[in-house]
């Protein structure tokens, strides 16, 4: 049984997140519309007042890269406020690399709280 760890993204995950953003755009045949950079992700998501939050799905080294854990998915979201309904979470993207979809039967959630 393979396990996947879901955790809050860190600034160090931005390269992997950008790679998956590009994969998703390619699938949607919208690659030419991706203008974001790794630096912008770092600034916008991990600065003093982040514009977005992100969770990543990570698999252990024995299932991915022998050099360390591998980020294989992400969920990027932000908080918005509706004058009609109040607090809301907007999920921009949820993506898992195709070869890792449907193969994990066990899930671990890691919280920084």
PDB file of N, CA and C in Angstrom:
ATOM      1  N   UNK A   1       0.835  -1.177   0.000  1.00  0.00           N
ATOM      2  CA  UNK A   1       0.000   0.000   0.000  1.00  0.00           C
ATOM      3  C   UNK A   1       0.879   1.239   0.000  1.00  0.00           C
ATOM      4  N   UNK A   2       0.692   2.109  -0.953  1.00  0.00           N
ATOM      5  CA  UNK A   2       1.472   3.336  -1.051  1.00  0.00           C
ATOM      6  C   UNK A   2       0.777   4.456  -0.295  1.00  0.00           C
ATOM      7  N   UNK A   3       1.577   5.298   0.357  1.00  0.00           N
ATOM      8  CA  UNK A   3       1.030   6.421   1.114  1.00  0.00           C
ATOM      9  C   UNK A   3       1.473   7.727   0.482  1.00  0.00           C
ATOM     10  N   UNK A   4       0.646   8.725   0.629  1.00  0.00           N
ATOM     11  CA  UNK A   4       0.977  10.056   0.152  1.00  0.00           C
ATOM     12  C   UNK A   4       0.795  11.023   1.317  1.00  0.00           C
ATOM     13  N   UNK A   5       1.667  11.988   1.395  1.00  0.00           N
ATOM     14  CA  UNK A   5       1.615  12.997   2.441  1.00  0.00           C
ATOM     15  C   UNK A   5       1.069  14.285   1.844  1.00  0.00           C
ATOM     16  N   UNK A   6       0.046  14.852   2.467  1.00  0.00           N
ATOM     17  CA  UNK A   6      -0.477  16.157   2.060  1.00  0.00           C
ATOM     18  C   UNK A   6       0.013  17.161   3.086  1.00  0.00           C
ATOM     19  N   UNK A   7       0.702  18.195   2.617  1.00  0.00           N
ATOM     20  CA  UNK A   7       1.255  19.200   3.523  1.00  0.00           C
ATOM     21  C   UNK A   7       1.172  20.584   2.899  1.00  0.00           C
ATOM     22  N   UNK A   8       1.368  21.586   3.738  1.00  0.00           N
ATOM     23  CA  UNK A   8       1.416  22.948   3.219  1.00  0.00           C
ATOM     24  C   UNK A   8       2.666  23.093   2.366  1.00  0.00           C
ATOM     25  N   UNK A   9       2.528  23.765   1.258  1.00  0.00           N
ATOM     26  CA  UNK A   9       3.670  24.002   0.383  1.00  0.00           C
ATOM     27  C   UNK A   9       4.645  24.964   1.058  1.00  0.00           C
ATOM     28  N   UNK A  10       5.893  24.846   0.668  1.00  0.00           N
ATOM     29  CA  UNK A  10       6.928  25.766   1.121  1.00  0.00           C
ATOM     30  C   UNK A  10       7.487  26.489  -0.096  1.00  0.00           C
ATOM     31  N   UNK A  11       8.244  27.510   0.148  1.00  0.00           N
ATOM     32  CA  UNK A  11       8.870  28.253  -0.944  1.00  0.00           C
ATOM     33  C   UNK A  11       9.714  27.331  -1.820  1.00  0.00           C
ATOM     34  N   UNK A  12      10.330  26.331  -1.218  1.00  0.00           N
ATOM     35  CA  UNK A  12      11.151  25.372  -1.952  1.00  0.00           C
ATOM     36  C   UNK A  12      10.371  24.481  -2.904  1.00  0.00           C
ATOM     37  N   UNK A  13       9.053  24.440  -2.777  1.00  0.00           N
ATOM     38  CA  UNK A  13       8.206  23.630  -3.662  1.00  0.00           C
ATOM     39  C   UNK A  13       7.823  24.370  -4.941  1.00  0.00           C
ATOM     40  N   UNK A  14       8.147  25.645  -5.049  1.00  0.00           N
ATOM     41  CA  UNK A  14       7.660  26.453  -6.177  1.00  0.00           C
ATOM     42  C   UNK A  14       8.086  25.921  -7.539  1.00  0.00           C
ATOM     43  N   UNK A  15       9.285  25.366  -7.653  1.00  0.00           N
ATOM     44  CA  UNK A  15       9.715  24.786  -8.930  1.00  0.00           C
ATOM     45  C   UNK A  15       8.831  23.629  -9.349  1.00  0.00           C
ATOM     46  N   UNK A  16       8.519  22.743  -8.408  1.00  0.00           N
ATOM     47  CA  UNK A  16       7.645  21.594  -8.699  1.00  0.00           C
ATOM     48  C   UNK A  16       6.218  22.068  -9.002  1.00  0.00           C
ATOM     49  N   UNK A  17       5.754  23.055  -8.274  1.00  0.00           N
ATOM     50  CA  UNK A  17       4.403  23.586  -8.517  1.00  0.00           C
ATOM     51  C   UNK A  17       4.320  24.193  -9.909  1.00  0.00           C
ATOM     52  N   UNK A  18       5.321  24.977 -10.288  1.00  0.00           N
ATOM     53  CA  UNK A  18       5.323  25.584 -11.622  1.00  0.00           C
ATOM     54  C   UNK A  18       5.356  24.515 -12.706  1.00  0.00           C
ATOM     55  N   UNK A  19       6.134  23.465 -12.496  1.00  0.00           N
ATOM     56  CA  UNK A  19       6.183  22.365 -13.468  1.00  0.00           C
ATOM     57  C   UNK A  19       4.785  21.777 -13.667  1.00  0.00           C
ATOM     58  N   UNK A  20       4.057  21.577 -12.572  1.00  0.00           N
ATOM     59  CA  UNK A  20       2.714  20.992 -12.671  1.00  0.00           C
ATOM     60  C   UNK A  20       1.708  21.985 -13.251  1.00  0.00           C
ATOM     61  N   UNK A  21       1.878  23.274 -12.977  1.00  0.00           N
ATOM     62  CA  UNK A  21       1.023  24.294 -13.600  1.00  0.00           C
ATOM     63  C   UNK A  21       1.182  24.214 -15.114  1.00  0.00           C
ATOM     64  N   UNK A  22       2.422  24.070 -15.565  1.00  0.00           N
ATOM     65  CA  UNK A  22       2.685  23.961 -17.007  1.00  0.00           C
ATOM     66  C   UNK A  22       2.108  22.666 -17.585  1.00  0.00           C
ATOM     67  N   UNK A  23       2.184  21.572 -16.836  1.00  0.00           N
ATOM     68  CA  UNK A  23       1.595  20.306 -17.298  1.00  0.00           C
ATOM     69  C   UNK A  23       0.082  20.445 -17.452  1.00  0.00           C
ATOM     70  N   UNK A  24      -0.555  21.078 -16.481  1.00  0.00           N
ATOM     71  CA  UNK A  24      -2.000  21.285 -16.539  1.00  0.00           C
ATOM     72  C   UNK A  24      -2.369  22.168 -17.733  1.00  0.00           C
ATOM     73  N   UNK A  25      -1.609  23.233 -17.947  1.00  0.00           N
ATOM     74  CA  UNK A  25      -1.874  24.124 -19.078  1.00  0.00           C
ATOM     75  C   UNK A  25      -1.687  23.398 -20.407  1.00  0.00           C
ATOM     76  N   UNK A  26      -0.679  22.545 -20.477  1.00  0.00           N
ATOM     77  CA  UNK A  26      -0.452  21.764 -21.706  1.00  0.00           C
ATOM     78  C   UNK A  26      -1.638  20.831 -21.963  1.00  0.00           C
ATOM     79  N   UNK A  27      -2.125  20.171 -20.927  1.00  0.00           N
ATOM     80  CA  UNK A  27      -3.283  19.298 -21.058  1.00  0.00           C
ATOM     81  C   UNK A  27      -4.501  20.081 -21.566  1.00  0.00           C
ATOM     82  N   UNK A  28      -4.665  21.285 -21.052  1.00  0.00           N
ATOM     83  CA  UNK A  28      -5.801  22.130 -21.444  1.00  0.00           C
ATOM     84  C   UNK A  28      -5.566  22.833 -22.792  1.00  0.00           C
ATOM     85  N   UNK A  29      -4.398  22.591 -23.385  1.00  0.00           N
ATOM     86  CA  UNK A  29      -3.998  23.231 -24.639  1.00  0.00           C
ATOM     87  C   UNK A  29      -3.970  24.754 -24.504  1.00  0.00           C
ATOM     88  N   UNK A  30      -3.445  25.199 -23.362  1.00  0.00           N
ATOM     89  CA  UNK A  30      -3.363  26.625 -23.049  1.00  0.00           C
ATOM     90  C   UNK A  30      -1.956  27.011 -22.588  1.00  0.00           C
ATOM     91  N   UNK A  31      -0.951  26.277 -23.013  1.00  0.00           N
ATOM     92  CA  UNK A  31       0.421  26.520 -22.569  1.00  0.00           C
ATOM     93  C   UNK A  31       0.874  27.946 -22.815  1.00  0.00           C
ATOM     94  N   UNK A  32       0.419  28.535 -23.894  1.00  0.00           N
ATOM     95  CA  UNK A  32       0.839  29.892 -24.235  1.00  0.00           C
ATOM     96  C   UNK A  32       0.300  30.937 -23.252  1.00  0.00           C
ATOM     97  N   UNK A  33      -0.641  30.557 -22.416  1.00  0.00           N
ATOM     98  CA  UNK A  33      -1.226  31.509 -21.478  1.00  0.00           C
ATOM     99  C   UNK A  33      -0.545  31.519 -20.112  1.00  0.00           C
ATOM    100  N   UNK A  34       0.382  30.592 -19.876  1.00  0.00           N
ATOM    101  CA  UNK A  34       1.091  30.557 -18.589  1.00  0.00           C
ATOM    102  C   UNK A  34       2.176  31.629 -18.606  1.00  0.00           C
ATOM    103  N   UNK A  35       1.997  32.634 -17.776  1.00  0.00           N
ATOM    104  CA  UNK A  35       2.941  33.753 -17.703  1.00  0.00           C
ATOM    105  C   UNK A  35       3.681  33.800 -16.366  1.00  0.00           C
ATOM    106  N   UNK A  36       3.241  32.997 -15.401  1.00  0.00           N
ATOM    107  CA  UNK A  36       3.796  33.019 -14.051  1.00  0.00           C
ATOM    108  C   UNK A  36       5.216  32.456 -14.052  1.00  0.00           C
ATOM    109  N   UNK A  37       6.032  32.929 -13.134  1.00  0.00           N
ATOM    110  CA  UNK A  37       7.400  32.424 -12.974  1.00  0.00           C
ATOM    111  C   UNK A  37       7.556  31.839 -11.576  1.00  0.00           C
ATOM    112  N   UNK A  38       8.614  31.087 -11.392  1.00  0.00           N
ATOM    113  CA  UNK A  38       8.896  30.534 -10.072  1.00  0.00           C
ATOM    114  C   UNK A  38       9.092  31.661  -9.052  1.00  0.00           C
ATOM    115  N   UNK A  39       9.767  32.719  -9.475  1.00  0.00           N
ATOM    116  CA  UNK A  39       9.981  33.870  -8.589  1.00  0.00           C
ATOM    117  C   UNK A  39       8.682  34.529  -8.173  1.00  0.00           C
ATOM    118  N   UNK A  40       7.749  34.649  -9.113  1.00  0.00           N
ATOM    119  CA  UNK A  40       6.446  35.249  -8.789  1.00  0.00           C
ATOM    120  C   UNK A  40       5.672  34.369  -7.815  1.00  0.00           C
ATOM    121  N   UNK A  41       5.736  33.055  -8.000  1.00  0.00           N
ATOM    122  CA  UNK A  41       5.083  32.145  -7.060  1.00  0.00           C
ATOM    123  C   UNK A  41       5.661  32.320  -5.653  1.00  0.00           C
ATOM    124  N   UNK A  42       6.981  32.419  -5.572  1.00  0.00           N
ATOM    125  CA  UNK A  42       7.625  32.603  -4.268  1.00  0.00           C
ATOM    126  C   UNK A  42       7.190  33.912  -3.619  1.00  0.00           C
ATOM    127  N   UNK A  43       7.218  34.986  -4.386  1.00  0.00           N
ATOM    128  CA  UNK A  43       6.841  36.297  -3.857  1.00  0.00           C
ATOM    129  C   UNK A  43       5.374  36.351  -3.477  1.00  0.00           C
ATOM    130  N   UNK A  44       4.518  35.847  -4.362  1.00  0.00           N
ATOM    131  CA  UNK A  44       3.075  35.970  -4.155  1.00  0.00           C
ATOM    132  C   UNK A  44       2.505  34.991  -3.146  1.00  0.00           C
ATOM    133  N   UNK A  45       3.171  33.856  -2.942  1.00  0.00           N
ATOM    134  CA  UNK A  45       2.628  32.851  -2.047  1.00  0.00           C
ATOM    135  C   UNK A  45       3.335  32.727  -0.711  1.00  0.00           C
ATOM    136  N   UNK A  46       4.541  33.272  -0.623  1.00  0.00           N
ATOM    137  CA  UNK A  46       5.319  33.034   0.585  1.00  0.00           C
ATOM    138  C   UNK A  46       5.908  34.302   1.171  1.00  0.00           C
ATOM    139  N   UNK A  47       5.378  35.444   0.759  1.00  0.00           N
ATOM    140  CA  UNK A  47       5.804  36.713   1.322  1.00  0.00           C
ATOM    141  C   UNK A  47       5.062  37.006   2.614  1.00  0.00           C
ATOM    142  N   UNK A  48       5.176  38.233   3.061  1.00  0.00           N
ATOM    143  CA  UNK A  48       4.548  38.647   4.321  1.00  0.00           C
ATOM    144  C   UNK A  48       3.026  38.557   4.267  1.00  0.00           C
ATOM    145  N   UNK A  49       2.442  38.912   3.137  1.00  0.00           N
ATOM    146  CA  UNK A  49       0.987  38.847   2.943  1.00  0.00           C
ATOM    147  C   UNK A  49       0.695  38.029   1.695  1.00  0.00           C
ATOM    148  N   UNK A  50       0.649  36.707   1.826  1.00  0.00           N
ATOM    149  CA  UNK A  50       0.480  35.862   0.635  1.00  0.00           C
ATOM    150  C   UNK A  50      -0.864  36.076  -0.070  1.00  0.00           C
ATOM    151  N   UNK A  51      -0.818  36.040  -1.383  1.00  0.00           N
ATOM    152  CA  UNK A  51      -2.017  36.161  -2.206  1.00  0.00           C
ATOM    153  C   UNK A  51      -2.701  34.815  -2.394  1.00  0.00           C
ATOM    154  N   UNK A  52      -1.980  33.731  -2.157  1.00  0.00           N
ATOM    155  CA  UNK A  52      -2.552  32.396  -2.290  1.00  0.00           C
ATOM    156  C   UNK A  52      -1.925  31.464  -1.265  1.00  0.00           C
ATOM    157  N   UNK A  53      -2.557  30.308  -1.098  1.00  0.00           N
ATOM    158  CA  UNK A  53      -2.051  29.240  -0.245  1.00  0.00           C
ATOM    159  C   UNK A  53      -2.005  27.986  -1.116  1.00  0.00           C
ATOM    160  N   UNK A  54      -1.210  27.042  -0.697  1.00  0.00           N
ATOM    161  CA  UNK A  54      -1.060  25.845  -1.521  1.00  0.00           C
ATOM    162  C   UNK A  54      -0.761  24.637  -0.639  1.00  0.00           C
ATOM    163  N   UNK A  55      -1.387  23.529  -0.982  1.00  0.00           N
ATOM    164  CA  UNK A  55      -1.066  22.241  -0.386  1.00  0.00           C
ATOM    165  C   UNK A  55      -0.393  21.409  -1.467  1.00  0.00           C
ATOM    166  N   UNK A  56       0.536  20.563  -1.060  1.00  0.00           N
ATOM    167  CA  UNK A  56       1.173  19.662  -2.025  1.00  0.00           C
ATOM    168  C   UNK A  56       0.997  18.224  -1.574  1.00  0.00           C
ATOM    169  N   UNK A  57       0.973  17.333  -2.553  1.00  0.00           N
ATOM    170  CA  UNK A  57       0.956  15.893  -2.322  1.00  0.00           C
ATOM    171  C   UNK A  57       2.360  15.391  -2.580  1.00  0.00           C
ATOM    172  N   UNK A  58       2.885  14.657  -1.622  1.00  0.00           N
ATOM    173  CA  UNK A  58       4.275  14.216  -1.689  1.00  0.00           C
ATOM    174  C   UNK A  58       4.343  12.715  -1.447  1.00  0.00           C
ATOM    175  N   UNK A  59       5.165  12.049  -2.237  1.00  0.00           N
ATOM    176  CA  UNK A  59       5.370  10.611  -2.034  1.00  0.00           C
ATOM    177  C   UNK A  59       6.783  10.379  -1.498  1.00  0.00           C
ATOM    178  N   UNK A  60       6.981   9.288  -0.763  1.00  0.00           N
ATOM    179  CA  UNK A  60       8.301   9.010  -0.182  1.00  0.00           C
ATOM    180  C   UNK A  60       9.326   8.631  -1.243  1.00  0.00           C
ATOM    181  N   UNK A  61      10.611   8.736  -0.896  1.00  0.00           N
ATOM    182  CA  UNK A  61      11.690   8.468  -1.859  1.00  0.00           C
ATOM    183  C   UNK A  61      11.601   7.097  -2.535  1.00  0.00           C
ATOM    184  N   UNK A  62      11.192   6.085  -1.812  1.00  0.00           N
ATOM    185  CA  UNK A  62      11.174   4.735  -2.402  1.00  0.00           C
ATOM    186  C   UNK A  62      10.147   4.598  -3.521  1.00  0.00           C
ATOM    187  N   UNK A  63       9.211   5.539  -3.603  1.00  0.00           N
ATOM    188  CA  UNK A  63       8.199   5.492  -4.656  1.00  0.00           C
ATOM    189  C   UNK A  63       8.441   6.515  -5.763  1.00  0.00           C
ATOM    190  N   UNK A  64       9.351   7.424  -5.524  1.00  0.00           N
ATOM    191  CA  UNK A  64       9.609   8.485  -6.494  1.00  0.00           C
ATOM    192  C   UNK A  64      11.089   8.588  -6.792  1.00  0.00           C
ATOM    193  N   UNK A  65      11.658   9.702  -6.463  1.00  0.00           N
ATOM    194  CA  UNK A  65      13.060   9.990  -6.708  1.00  0.00           C
ATOM    195  C   UNK A  65      13.886   9.458  -5.542  1.00  0.00           C
ATOM    196  N   UNK A  66      14.876   8.662  -5.822  1.00  0.00           N
ATOM    197  CA  UNK A  66      15.700   8.067  -4.764  1.00  0.00           C
ATOM    198  C   UNK A  66      16.444   9.132  -3.952  1.00  0.00           C
ATOM    199  N   UNK A  67      16.565  10.344  -4.486  1.00  0.00           N
ATOM    200  CA  UNK A  67      17.273  11.412  -3.772  1.00  0.00           C
ATOM    201  C   UNK A  67      16.418  12.069  -2.707  1.00  0.00           C
ATOM    202  N   UNK A  68      15.126  11.836  -2.719  1.00  0.00           N
ATOM    203  CA  UNK A  68      14.264  12.451  -1.719  1.00  0.00           C
ATOM    204  C   UNK A  68      12.806  12.325  -2.097  1.00  0.00           C
ATOM    205  N   UNK A  69      11.938  12.868  -1.255  1.00  0.00           N
ATOM    206  CA  UNK A  69      10.498  12.838  -1.520  1.00  0.00           C
ATOM    207  C   UNK A  69      10.191  13.597  -2.808  1.00  0.00           C
ATOM    208  N   UNK A  70       9.088  13.230  -3.439  1.00  0.00           N
ATOM    209  CA  UNK A  70       8.697  13.835  -4.708  1.00  0.00           C
ATOM    210  C   UNK A  70       7.316  14.454  -4.580  1.00  0.00           C
ATOM    211  N   UNK A  71       7.217  15.715  -4.969  1.00  0.00           N
ATOM    212  CA  UNK A  71       5.917  16.386  -4.998  1.00  0.00           C
ATOM    213  C   UNK A  71       5.222  15.979  -6.292  1.00  0.00           C
ATOM    214  N   UNK A  72       4.018  15.391  -6.171  1.00  0.00           N
ATOM    215  CA  UNK A  72       3.317  14.852  -7.341  1.00  0.00           C
ATOM    216  C   UNK A  72       1.951  15.495  -7.568  1.00  0.00           C
ATOM    217  N   UNK A  73       1.589  16.449  -6.726  1.00  0.00           N
ATOM    218  CA  UNK A  73       0.306  17.112  -6.893  1.00  0.00           C
ATOM    219  C   UNK A  73       0.251  18.379  -6.072  1.00  0.00           C
ATOM    220  N   UNK A  74      -0.701  19.238  -6.401  1.00  0.00           N
ATOM    221  CA  UNK A  74      -0.878  20.468  -5.637  1.00  0.00           C
ATOM    222  C   UNK A  74      -2.333  20.917  -5.689  1.00  0.00           C
ATOM    223  N   UNK A  75      -2.698  21.690  -4.706  1.00  0.00           N
ATOM    224  CA  UNK A  75      -3.992  22.371  -4.663  1.00  0.00           C
ATOM    225  C   UNK A  75      -3.720  23.812  -4.282  1.00  0.00           C
ATOM    226  N   UNK A  76      -4.046  24.733  -5.173  1.00  0.00           N
ATOM    227  CA  UNK A  76      -3.773  26.148  -4.937  1.00  0.00           C
ATOM    228  C   UNK A  76      -5.092  26.851  -4.666  1.00  0.00           C
ATOM    229  N   UNK A  77      -5.175  27.585  -3.563  1.00  0.00           N
ATOM    230  CA  UNK A  77      -6.433  28.205  -3.160  1.00  0.00           C
ATOM    231  C   UNK A  77      -6.187  29.577  -2.540  1.00  0.00           C
ATOM    232  N   UNK A  78      -7.241  30.350  -2.440  1.00  0.00           N
ATOM    233  CA  UNK A  78      -7.166  31.649  -1.772  1.00  0.00           C
ATOM    234  C   UNK A  78      -8.486  31.903  -1.050  1.00  0.00           C
ATOM    235  N   UNK A  79      -8.432  32.812  -0.119  1.00  0.00           N
ATOM    236  CA  UNK A  79      -9.625  33.183   0.624  1.00  0.00           C
ATOM    237  C   UNK A  79     -10.222  34.425  -0.011  1.00  0.00           C
ATOM    238  N   UNK A  80     -11.512  34.430  -0.170  1.00  0.00           N
ATOM    239  CA  UNK A  80     -12.224  35.592  -0.714  1.00  0.00           C
ATOM    240  C   UNK A  80     -13.381  35.915   0.219  1.00  0.00           C
ATOM    241  N   UNK A  81     -13.945  37.079   0.032  1.00  0.00           N
ATOM    242  CA  UNK A  81     -15.069  37.482   0.861  1.00  0.00           C
ATOM    243  C   UNK A  81     -16.230  37.895  -0.025  1.00  0.00           C
ATOM    244  N   UNK A  82     -17.354  37.270   0.210  1.00  0.00           N
ATOM    245  CA  UNK A  82     -18.568  37.572  -0.537  1.00  0.00           C
ATOM    246  C   UNK A  82     -19.471  38.437   0.322  1.00  0.00           C
ATOM    247  N   UNK A  83     -19.986  39.494  -0.244  1.00  0.00           N
ATOM    248  CA  UNK A  83     -20.904  40.349   0.522  1.00  0.00           C
ATOM    249  C   UNK A  83     -22.217  39.641   0.802  1.00  0.00           C
ATOM    250  N   UNK A  84     -22.513  38.590   0.079  1.00  0.00           N
ATOM    251  CA  UNK A  84     -23.752  37.845   0.296  1.00  0.00           C
ATOM    252  C   UNK A  84     -23.580  36.675   1.248  1.00  0.00           C
ATOM    253  N   UNK A  85     -22.438  35.990   1.157  1.00  0.00           N
ATOM    254  CA  UNK A  85     -22.282  34.764   1.937  1.00  0.00           C
ATOM    255  C   UNK A  85     -21.138  34.804   2.945  1.00  0.00           C
ATOM    256  N   UNK A  86     -20.330  35.832   2.923  1.00  0.00           N
ATOM    257  CA  UNK A  86     -19.220  35.936   3.873  1.00  0.00           C
ATOM    258  C   UNK A  86     -17.976  35.228   3.396  1.00  0.00           C
ATOM    259  N   UNK A  87     -17.280  34.588   4.308  1.00  0.00           N
ATOM    260  CA  UNK A  87     -15.995  33.942   4.013  1.00  0.00           C
ATOM    261  C   UNK A  87     -16.161  32.770   3.047  1.00  0.00           C
ATOM    262  N   UNK A  88     -15.229  32.703   2.107  1.00  0.00           N
ATOM    263  CA  UNK A  88     -15.254  31.652   1.094  1.00  0.00           C
ATOM    264  C   UNK A  88     -13.827  31.246   0.759  1.00  0.00           C
ATOM    265  N   UNK A  89     -13.640  29.992   0.419  1.00  0.00           N
ATOM    266  CA  UNK A  89     -12.356  29.519  -0.087  1.00  0.00           C
ATOM    267  C   UNK A  89     -12.538  29.248  -1.574  1.00  0.00           C
ATOM    268  N   UNK A  90     -11.652  29.808  -2.380  1.00  0.00           N
ATOM    269  CA  UNK A  90     -11.698  29.604  -3.823  1.00  0.00           C
ATOM    270  C   UNK A  90     -10.554  28.670  -4.203  1.00  0.00           C
ATOM    271  N   UNK A  91     -10.886  27.517  -4.762  1.00  0.00           N
ATOM    272  CA  UNK A  91      -9.891  26.555  -5.220  1.00  0.00           C
ATOM    273  C   UNK A  91      -9.577  26.856  -6.679  1.00  0.00           C
ATOM    274  N   UNK A  92      -8.378  27.348  -6.927  1.00  0.00           N
ATOM    275  CA  UNK A  92      -7.958  27.699  -8.289  1.00  0.00           C
ATOM    276  C   UNK A  92      -7.616  26.449  -9.089  1.00  0.00           C
ATOM    277  N   UNK A  93      -6.761  25.609  -8.548  1.00  0.00           N
ATOM    278  CA  UNK A  93      -6.326  24.390  -9.228  1.00  0.00           C
ATOM    279  C   UNK A  93      -6.207  23.257  -8.221  1.00  0.00           C
ATOM    280  N   UNK A  94      -6.488  22.062  -8.697  1.00  0.00           N
ATOM    281  CA  UNK A  94      -6.099  20.846  -7.996  1.00  0.00           C
ATOM    282  C   UNK A  94      -5.565  19.926  -9.095  1.00  0.00           C
ATOM    283  N   UNK A  95      -4.344  19.452  -8.908  1.00  0.00           N
ATOM    284  CA  UNK A  95      -3.683  18.698  -9.967  1.00  0.00           C
ATOM    285  C   UNK A  95      -2.826  17.599  -9.359  1.00  0.00           C
ATOM    286  N   UNK A  96      -2.880  16.421  -9.959  1.00  0.00           N
ATOM    287  CA  UNK A  96      -2.011  15.300  -9.619  1.00  0.00           C
ATOM    288  C   UNK A  96      -1.406  14.801 -10.929  1.00  0.00           C
ATOM    289  N   UNK A  97      -0.111  14.597 -10.931  1.00  0.00           N
ATOM    290  CA  UNK A  97       0.551  14.082 -12.136  1.00  0.00           C
ATOM    291  C   UNK A  97      -0.147  12.795 -12.572  1.00  0.00           C
ATOM    292  N   UNK A  98      -0.387  12.651 -13.880  1.00  0.00           N
ATOM    293  CA  UNK A  98      -1.154  11.506 -14.380  1.00  0.00           C
ATOM    294  C   UNK A  98      -0.685  10.140 -13.889  1.00  0.00           C
ATOM    295  N   UNK A  99       0.621   9.904 -13.840  1.00  0.00           N
ATOM    296  CA  UNK A  99       1.094   8.563 -13.462  1.00  0.00           C
ATOM    297  C   UNK A  99       0.864   8.239 -11.984  1.00  0.00           C
ATOM    298  N   UNK A 100       0.499   9.245 -11.177  1.00  0.00           N
ATOM    299  CA  UNK A 100       0.255   9.015  -9.751  1.00  0.00           C
ATOM    300  C   UNK A 100      -1.229   9.044  -9.385  1.00  0.00           C
ATOM    301  N   UNK A 101      -2.076   9.222 -10.353  1.00  0.00           N
ATOM    302  CA  UNK A 101      -3.515   9.270 -10.081  1.00  0.00           C
ATOM    303  C   UNK A 101      -4.062   7.878  -9.795  1.00  0.00           C
ATOM    304  N   UNK A 102      -4.854   7.764  -8.727  1.00  0.00           N
ATOM    305  CA  UNK A 102      -5.557   6.522  -8.432  1.00  0.00           C
ATOM    306  C   UNK A 102      -4.715   5.392  -7.886  1.00  0.00           C
ATOM    307  N   UNK A 103      -3.454   5.638  -7.528  1.00  0.00           N
ATOM    308  CA  UNK A 103      -2.619   4.539  -7.061  1.00  0.00           C
ATOM    309  C   UNK A 103      -2.381   4.562  -5.559  1.00  0.00           C
ATOM    310  N   UNK A 104      -2.830   5.594  -4.885  1.00  0.00           N
ATOM    311  CA  UNK A 104      -2.563   5.713  -3.459  1.00  0.00           C
ATOM    312  C   UNK A 104      -3.800   5.402  -2.648  1.00  0.00           C
ATOM    313  N   UNK A 105      -3.643   4.496  -1.726  1.00  0.00           N
ATOM    314  CA  UNK A 105      -4.772   4.050  -0.913  1.00  0.00           C
ATOM    315  C   UNK A 105      -4.712   4.596   0.491  1.00  0.00           C
ATOM    316  N   UNK A 106      -3.611   5.209   0.851  1.00  0.00           N
ATOM    317  CA  UNK A 106      -3.429   5.721   2.195  1.00  0.00           C
ATOM    318  C   UNK A 106      -2.995   7.179   2.106  1.00  0.00           C
ATOM    319  N   UNK A 107      -3.525   7.998   2.987  1.00  0.00           N
ATOM    320  CA  UNK A 107      -3.291   9.427   2.926  1.00  0.00           C
ATOM    321  C   UNK A 107      -2.910   9.921   4.312  1.00  0.00           C
ATOM    322  N   UNK A 108      -1.858  10.724   4.394  1.00  0.00           N
ATOM    323  CA  UNK A 108      -1.465  11.339   5.657  1.00  0.00           C
ATOM    324  C   UNK A 108      -1.585  12.837   5.496  1.00  0.00           C
ATOM    325  N   UNK A 109      -2.187  13.497   6.467  1.00  0.00           N
ATOM    326  CA  UNK A 109      -2.294  14.952   6.450  1.00  0.00           C
ATOM    327  C   UNK A 109      -1.347  15.513   7.481  1.00  0.00           C
ATOM    328  N   UNK A 110      -0.546  16.461   7.073  1.00  0.00           N
ATOM    329  CA  UNK A 110       0.399  17.103   7.972  1.00  0.00           C
ATOM    330  C   UNK A 110      -0.015  18.551   8.117  1.00  0.00           C
ATOM    331  N   UNK A 111      -0.220  18.986   9.315  1.00  0.00           N
ATOM    332  CA  UNK A 111      -0.635  20.346   9.568  1.00  0.00           C
ATOM    333  C   UNK A 111       0.441  21.065  10.345  1.00  0.00           C
ATOM    334  N   UNK A 112       0.616  22.348  10.066  1.00  0.00           N
ATOM    335  CA  UNK A 112       1.608  23.129  10.792  1.00  0.00           C
ATOM    336  C   UNK A 112       1.039  23.635  12.108  1.00  0.00           C
ATOM    337  N   UNK A 113      -0.215  23.325  12.405  1.00  0.00           N
ATOM    338  CA  UNK A 113      -0.847  23.828  13.625  1.00  0.00           C
ATOM    339  C   UNK A 113      -0.681  22.882  14.771  1.00  0.00           C
TER     340      UNK A 113
END
